[in-house]
Structure formats: C-alpha cells, structure tokens
Amino acid sequence: MHYWLFKSEPATWGWDKQAAKGEAGEEWDGVRNYQARNFMRQMEIGDLGFFYHSVNEKQVVGVVEVIAEAHPDSTTDDPRWECVDIKAVAPFPRPVTLAEIKAEPRLAGMVLVKNARLSVQPVTPDEWAIVCRMGGYSPTA
C-alpha cells in the first residue's frame, strides 16, 4: 500500500462533489504536470490518499482510495496525459491545515511542505499516520 495526496480547488472539485460520486468514484483528470502524472502511474488499486483543498482553504479534508490504475485522461486526446480514478472513503473529523502541517517538525520533509504546487504527490507511511492523528481520523472509525 502506498499513500498519496490529491490537491483540488474546492470551487472546482471539492470534497462534497467527490463524496457524492459514491462507490463509482471519479477520474482525477486534468493533471498536466509530468511529475504528477508519473506519480499516478505508480498508483495501485487500494492505495489511499489525502483529499486536499487548495487555494484559500489549504487543508486536508478527507481520505480517498484509488479504484482504477492509470489510464488515458478522458478530458484530452493527447496520449501523454493519464489519470487514476478515486472514490471518497471518509471525511476528516477535523480538517488539518497547511499551517498545522508546516508547524509539525516531523512533517518538515513532506512534499506538501517542500513543493506545495504539485497537484498529486506521495506521502510516506509516517507522514500518513501523523496527519491522520492530527485530523482525528482512524481507518477503523
């Protein structure tokens, strides 16, 4: 199992829209960054990710699961761009802000802290556990 972070502008595609897709989930389309695309190519069904609201909110708001591995992005005819499908697993009991993440010394090396602009990024198991605890999220809850 690997862990990831998916960033979206809440006004464009927020947690509520993702959650409304239910078990069918949705393509994580529109990514036009090679590094982010390459991360999606590494994803496997069952991997988990943080759903992060960018722009004004800048906070982790929920957990998603990868339900389809990398495939052509349906929003373009350009074969260079691929995406995965994700479904909502659960909202965070308490969103975790970027400021809180930056204030946690154990998260200083997190990609979100070092490269905040990257829309899809890896999260280490230790980072995953820390952020989940910060947000009061437990997979068994």
Protein backbone atom coordinates (compact mmCIF):
# COMPACT_ATOMS: atom_id res chain seq x y z
CA MET A 1 0.00 0.00 0.00
CA HIS A 2 1.15 3.48 -0.88
CA TYR A 3 -0.13 6.84 0.23
CA TRP A 4 -0.75 9.98 -1.79
CA LEU A 5 -2.13 13.48 -1.65
CA PHE A 6 -4.58 14.83 -4.27
CA LYS A 7 -5.00 18.61 -4.41
CA SER A 8 -8.04 20.37 -5.80
CA GLU A 9 -9.51 23.83 -5.73
CA PRO A 10 -12.71 23.36 -3.71
CA ALA A 11 -14.69 25.68 -6.00
CA THR A 12 -13.76 23.47 -8.99
CA TRP A 13 -13.88 19.99 -7.44
CA GLY A 14 -14.34 19.81 -3.70
CA TRP A 15 -14.78 17.07 -1.16
CA ASP A 16 -18.59 17.23 -1.34
CA LYS A 17 -18.56 16.57 -5.09
CA GLN A 18 -16.08 13.72 -4.67
CA ALA A 19 -18.13 12.16 -1.87
CA ALA A 20 -21.32 12.48 -3.94
CA LYS A 21 -19.80 10.17 -6.57
CA GLY A 22 -20.04 7.31 -4.07
CA GLU A 23 -18.58 3.91 -4.88
CA ALA A 24 -18.33 4.78 -8.60
CA GLY A 25 -15.74 7.44 -7.83
CA GLU A 26 -14.39 9.81 -10.43
CA GLU A 27 -11.40 10.29 -12.72
CA TRP A 28 -8.70 12.52 -11.26
CA ASP A 29 -8.45 14.22 -14.62
CA GLY A 30 -6.96 17.41 -15.94
CA VAL A 31 -3.48 16.93 -14.49
CA ARG A 32 -0.96 18.47 -16.88
CA ASN A 33 2.26 18.08 -14.95
CA TYR A 34 4.64 15.26 -15.84
CA GLN A 35 5.77 14.61 -12.27
CA ALA A 36 2.18 14.39 -11.01
CA ARG A 37 1.25 12.14 -13.95
CA ASN A 38 4.20 9.87 -13.20
CA PHE A 39 3.08 9.56 -9.59
CA MET A 40 -0.36 8.47 -10.82
CA ARG A 41 1.33 5.84 -13.00
CA GLN A 42 2.79 4.35 -9.79
CA MET A 43 -0.58 4.07 -8.04
CA GLU A 44 -2.28 0.75 -7.43
CA ILE A 45 -5.87 -0.10 -6.68
CA GLY A 46 -6.39 0.16 -2.93
CA ASP A 47 -3.80 2.89 -2.36
CA LEU A 48 -5.10 5.67 -0.12
CA GLY A 49 -4.73 9.41 -0.43
CA PHE A 50 -5.50 12.63 1.33
CA PHE A 51 -8.03 14.89 -0.38
CA TYR A 52 -6.63 18.39 -0.04
CA HIS A 53 -8.49 21.64 -0.65
CA SER A 54 -6.03 24.12 -2.13
CA VAL A 55 -6.21 27.88 -2.78
CA ASN A 56 -7.93 29.66 0.14
CA GLU A 57 -8.59 26.66 2.42
CA LYS A 58 -5.24 24.83 2.22
CA GLN A 59 -6.28 21.83 4.30
CA VAL A 60 -6.62 18.06 4.24
CA VAL A 61 -10.36 17.37 4.36
CA GLY A 62 -10.75 13.65 3.68
CA VAL A 63 -9.41 10.29 2.58
CA VAL A 64 -9.80 8.77 -0.87
CA GLU A 65 -8.97 5.38 -2.36
CA VAL A 66 -7.55 4.61 -5.80
CA ILE A 67 -10.13 2.43 -7.60
CA ALA A 68 -8.64 2.37 -11.12
CA GLU A 69 -5.00 2.45 -12.12
CA ALA A 70 -3.57 4.93 -14.62
CA HIS A 71 -5.46 5.14 -17.90
CA PRO A 72 -5.92 7.77 -20.63
CA ASP A 73 -7.39 11.03 -19.33
CA SER A 74 -10.83 11.40 -20.92
CA THR A 75 -10.55 15.20 -20.97
CA THR A 76 -7.90 15.21 -23.72
CA ASP A 77 -6.94 13.40 -26.90
CA ASP A 78 -3.26 13.88 -26.05
CA PRO A 79 -1.89 10.41 -25.22
CA ARG A 80 0.73 11.84 -22.85
CA TRP A 81 -1.86 12.51 -20.14
CA GLU A 82 -3.22 9.81 -17.89
CA CYS A 83 -5.20 9.73 -14.68
CA VAL A 84 -6.48 7.38 -12.00
CA ASP A 85 -9.99 7.02 -10.59
CA ILE A 86 -10.58 7.69 -6.90
CA LYS A 87 -13.51 7.36 -4.52
CA ALA A 88 -14.17 9.07 -1.22
CA VAL A 89 -13.54 6.90 1.85
CA ALA A 90 -14.29 9.29 4.72
CA PRO A 91 -14.10 12.95 5.65
CA PHE A 92 -11.56 14.02 8.23
CA PRO A 93 -13.25 14.59 11.61
CA ARG A 94 -11.20 17.79 11.79
CA PRO A 95 -9.50 19.25 8.71
CA VAL A 96 -5.73 19.64 9.01
CA THR A 97 -4.42 22.93 7.66
CA LEU A 98 -1.21 23.50 5.78
CA ALA A 99 -0.10 25.79 8.61
CA GLU A 100 -0.54 22.94 11.11
CA ILE A 101 1.38 20.57 8.84
CA LYS A 102 4.22 23.08 8.47
CA ALA A 103 4.28 23.58 12.26
CA GLU A 104 4.80 19.84 12.88
CA PRO A 105 8.58 19.21 12.83
CA ARG A 106 8.13 15.55 11.88
CA LEU A 107 6.46 16.70 8.63
CA ALA A 108 9.26 19.07 7.53
CA GLY A 109 10.25 16.71 4.70
CA MET A 110 6.72 16.20 3.38
CA VAL A 111 6.33 17.01 -0.33
CA LEU A 112 3.38 19.27 0.54
CA VAL A 113 5.75 21.40 2.63
CA LYS A 114 8.60 21.39 0.10
CA ASN A 115 6.62 21.58 -3.18
CA ALA A 116 3.19 22.94 -2.35
CA ARG A 117 2.26 23.47 -6.02
CA LEU A 118 2.40 19.80 -7.06
CA SER A 119 -1.19 18.56 -7.51
CA VAL A 120 -0.53 14.84 -6.96
CA GLN A 121 2.22 13.79 -4.60
CA PRO A 122 3.45 10.89 -2.49
CA VAL A 123 3.03 10.70 1.27
CA THR A 124 5.23 8.44 3.40
CA PRO A 125 3.63 5.97 5.84
CA ASP A 126 4.93 8.01 8.79
CA GLU A 127 3.54 11.25 7.34
CA TRP A 128 0.23 9.49 6.69
CA ALA A 129 -0.02 8.33 10.29
CA ILE A 130 0.88 11.76 11.71
CA VAL A 131 -1.61 13.70 9.57
CA CYS A 132 -4.35 11.15 10.27
CA ARG A 133 -3.78 11.55 14.01
CA MET A 134 -3.79 15.34 13.67
CA GLY A 135 -7.17 15.17 11.95
CA GLY A 136 -8.65 12.61 14.33
CA TYR A 137 -9.01 10.08 11.51
CA SER A 138 -8.75 6.36 12.20
CA PRO A 139 -9.38 3.78 9.46
CA THR A 140 -11.41 1.76 11.93
CA ALA A 141 -13.58 4.71 12.95
